Amino acid sequence: MRYDLIRKGGNVKRFHCHNTIRENTVAAHSWGVATILLHICDPSPNLMRLALYHDVFEHLTGDVPYTSKRDNPEVKTAMDLAEERAAKVMEIDTTWNILPGEEELFKLADMLDFMVFCTEEIEMGNNGIEDLWQNGQRVVISILSKIEKNQAAFDLYLSLKERVYGK
């Protein structure tokens, strides 16, 4: 693995299309995803590897906003190819080999970390990010409805909701 490039990948700034009070980096986000996974399940080593490396390719590809990829399938296809090329350059094996059910847990942890950052921004007075929080909420509720009951994840979601909207 090219640790030098992986390390640079951690420095990529997230939320560059939105006004934020503080900075969020790929490294901070990846650590957040990993710690949430440890909180909500007993992750396999490969799931932890996915959590830590899933966004480092943005050092070479750029951080294209999720909504751009969601709303433009051709952009998503192009970015998927770019990430495959970046993975080869960075010498990261992206055949994650995660266990059955772990993909949804990863997506859940990824979105919960997104919501944690948005919650902290809102608590600091950044109400302009509340629409992002609500988008995250929709995704989290959708994932929670599809997976086996996960009380720890549900409790984390509820605590974020209470912090934003009160009890």
Protein backbone atom coordinates (compact mmCIF):
# COMPACT_ATOMS: atom_id res chain seq x y z
CA MET A 1 0.00 0.00 0.00
CA ARG A 2 1.08 3.54 -0.69
CA TYR A 3 0.89 4.94 2.82
CA ASP A 4 1.99 8.39 1.63
CA LEU A 5 -1.07 8.64 -0.62
CA ILE A 6 -3.38 7.08 1.96
CA ARG A 7 -2.21 9.65 4.50
CA LYS A 8 -2.87 12.48 2.01
CA GLY A 9 -6.31 11.00 1.38
CA GLY A 10 -7.12 11.52 5.05
CA ASN A 11 -6.47 15.25 4.66
CA VAL A 12 -9.18 15.76 2.03
CA LYS A 13 -11.75 18.26 3.26
CA ARG A 14 -15.39 17.21 3.23
CA PHE A 15 -18.51 19.42 2.92
CA HIS A 16 -16.71 21.79 0.54
CA CYS A 17 -20.03 22.71 -1.13
CA HIS A 18 -21.61 23.81 2.16
CA ASN A 19 -20.92 26.51 4.70
CA THR A 20 -19.64 24.87 7.86
CA ILE A 21 -18.35 26.32 11.10
CA ARG A 22 -15.58 23.77 11.41
CA GLU A 23 -13.68 21.54 9.06
CA ASN A 24 -14.36 17.85 8.53
CA THR A 25 -11.76 15.65 6.86
CA VAL A 26 -11.80 12.17 5.38
CA ALA A 27 -9.60 11.06 8.30
CA ALA A 28 -12.04 12.38 10.90
CA HIS A 29 -14.98 10.86 9.04
CA SER A 30 -13.32 7.47 8.60
CA TRP A 31 -12.43 7.37 12.29
CA GLY A 32 -16.04 8.29 13.10
CA VAL A 33 -17.38 5.49 10.90
CA ALA A 34 -14.99 2.98 12.50
CA THR A 35 -15.94 3.99 16.05
CA ILE A 36 -19.65 3.85 15.24
CA LEU A 37 -19.19 0.35 13.84
CA LEU A 38 -17.47 -0.68 17.06
CA HIS A 39 -20.43 0.77 18.94
CA ILE A 40 -23.21 -0.89 16.91
CA CYS A 41 -21.73 -4.29 16.03
CA ASP A 42 -18.74 -6.60 16.25
CA PRO A 43 -17.14 -5.64 12.90
CA SER A 44 -14.93 -8.01 10.97
CA PRO A 45 -11.37 -6.84 10.24
CA ASN A 46 -12.36 -6.36 6.59
CA LEU A 47 -15.28 -4.13 7.58
CA MET A 48 -12.90 -2.00 9.64
CA ARG A 49 -10.55 -1.79 6.65
CA LEU A 50 -13.48 -0.60 4.51
CA ALA A 51 -14.41 1.98 7.16
CA LEU A 52 -10.89 3.36 7.30
CA TYR A 53 -10.13 3.41 3.56
CA HIS A 54 -13.48 3.99 1.84
CA ASP A 55 -12.92 7.68 1.05
CA VAL A 56 -9.11 7.98 0.80
CA PHE A 57 -9.30 7.77 -2.99
CA GLU A 58 -10.68 11.32 -2.98
CA HIS A 59 -7.10 12.56 -2.74
CA LEU A 60 -6.70 11.46 -6.37
CA THR A 61 -10.30 11.73 -7.61
CA GLY A 62 -11.61 14.77 -5.77
CA ASP A 63 -14.60 14.74 -3.45
CA VAL A 64 -17.65 14.75 -5.69
CA PRO A 65 -20.74 15.45 -3.59
CA TYR A 66 -23.07 12.52 -2.95
CA THR A 67 -25.99 14.41 -4.46
CA SER A 68 -24.11 14.88 -7.73
CA LYS A 69 -23.53 11.14 -7.98
CA ARG A 70 -27.07 10.32 -6.84
CA ASP A 71 -28.73 12.68 -9.33
CA ASN A 72 -26.40 11.95 -12.26
CA PRO A 73 -25.82 8.23 -12.83
CA GLU A 74 -23.18 8.97 -15.46
CA VAL A 75 -21.18 10.94 -12.89
CA LYS A 76 -21.42 8.04 -10.43
CA THR A 77 -20.23 5.58 -13.09
CA ALA A 78 -17.30 7.83 -13.99
CA MET A 79 -16.37 8.32 -10.32
CA ASP A 80 -16.56 4.58 -9.63
CA LEU A 81 -14.06 4.03 -12.47
CA ALA A 82 -11.85 6.85 -11.20
CA GLU A 83 -11.87 5.33 -7.70
CA GLU A 84 -10.90 1.93 -9.14
CA ARG A 85 -7.92 3.55 -10.88
CA ALA A 86 -7.01 5.47 -7.71
CA ALA A 87 -7.16 2.24 -5.69
CA LYS A 88 -4.64 0.67 -8.06
CA VAL A 89 -2.32 3.68 -7.78
CA MET A 90 -2.66 3.61 -3.98
CA GLU A 91 -2.24 -0.19 -3.99
CA ILE A 92 -5.41 -0.78 -1.99
CA ASP A 93 -7.32 -3.99 -2.59
CA THR A 94 -10.99 -2.98 -2.78
CA THR A 95 -12.38 -6.49 -2.78
CA TRP A 96 -13.34 -5.83 0.80
CA ASN A 97 -14.66 -9.36 1.43
CA ILE A 98 -17.01 -8.19 4.14
CA LEU A 99 -19.42 -10.60 5.78
CA PRO A 100 -23.10 -10.91 4.85
CA GLY A 101 -25.06 -8.03 6.37
CA GLU A 102 -22.00 -5.85 6.92
CA GLU A 103 -22.55 -3.69 3.84
CA GLU A 104 -25.76 -2.27 5.31
CA LEU A 105 -24.05 -1.77 8.69
CA PHE A 106 -21.27 0.12 6.91
CA LYS A 107 -23.77 2.35 5.08
CA LEU A 108 -25.56 2.95 8.37
CA ALA A 109 -22.36 3.90 10.21
CA ASP A 110 -21.27 6.10 7.29
CA MET A 111 -24.56 8.00 7.39
CA LEU A 112 -24.68 8.17 11.20
CA ASP A 113 -21.24 9.80 11.20
CA PHE A 114 -22.53 12.28 8.61
CA MET A 115 -25.43 13.04 10.95
CA VAL A 116 -23.10 13.42 13.95
CA PHE A 117 -21.14 16.10 12.08
CA CYS A 118 -24.35 17.87 11.00
CA THR A 119 -25.71 17.69 14.56
CA GLU A 120 -22.56 19.28 15.95
CA GLU A 121 -22.78 22.03 13.30
CA ILE A 122 -26.42 22.72 14.18
CA GLU A 123 -25.55 22.83 17.90
CA MET A 124 -22.94 25.49 17.10
CA GLY A 125 -25.59 27.58 15.33
CA ASN A 126 -25.23 26.45 11.71
CA ASN A 127 -28.91 26.05 10.83
CA GLY A 128 -28.03 26.14 7.14
CA ILE A 129 -26.99 22.51 7.37
CA GLU A 130 -30.29 21.24 8.76
CA ASP A 131 -31.47 20.13 5.30
CA LEU A 132 -28.43 17.85 5.11
CA TRP A 133 -29.31 16.44 8.53
CA GLN A 134 -32.84 15.71 7.33
CA ASN A 135 -31.51 13.97 4.20
CA GLY A 136 -29.28 11.85 6.43
CA GLN A 137 -32.24 11.06 8.66
CA ARG A 138 -34.22 9.72 5.69
CA VAL A 139 -31.35 7.43 4.69
CA VAL A 140 -30.77 6.19 8.25
CA ILE A 141 -34.46 5.42 8.77
CA SER A 142 -34.51 3.55 5.45
CA ILE A 143 -31.47 1.44 6.41
CA LEU A 144 -32.79 0.75 9.93
CA SER A 145 -36.04 -0.50 8.42
CA LYS A 146 -34.16 -3.03 6.25
CA ILE A 147 -31.71 -4.55 8.72
CA GLU A 148 -32.07 -6.81 11.72
CA LYS A 149 -32.93 -4.77 14.82
CA ASN A 150 -29.87 -2.87 16.02
CA GLN A 151 -30.69 -1.13 19.28
CA ALA A 152 -27.34 0.62 19.60
CA ALA A 153 -27.68 2.20 16.15
CA PHE A 154 -31.30 3.17 16.82
CA ASP A 155 -30.35 4.73 20.17
CA LEU A 156 -27.55 6.72 18.53
CA TYR A 157 -29.96 7.98 15.88
CA LEU A 158 -32.51 8.94 18.57
CA SER A 159 -29.86 10.80 20.57
CA LEU A 160 -28.94 12.84 17.48
CA LYS A 161 -32.61 13.57 16.81
CA GLU A 162 -33.09 14.75 20.41
CA ARG A 163 -30.02 16.98 20.18
CA VAL A 164 -31.43 18.67 17.07
CA TYR A 165 -35.15 18.77 17.87
CA GLY A 166 -35.37 18.24 21.62
CA LYS A 167 -37.36 15.48 23.33
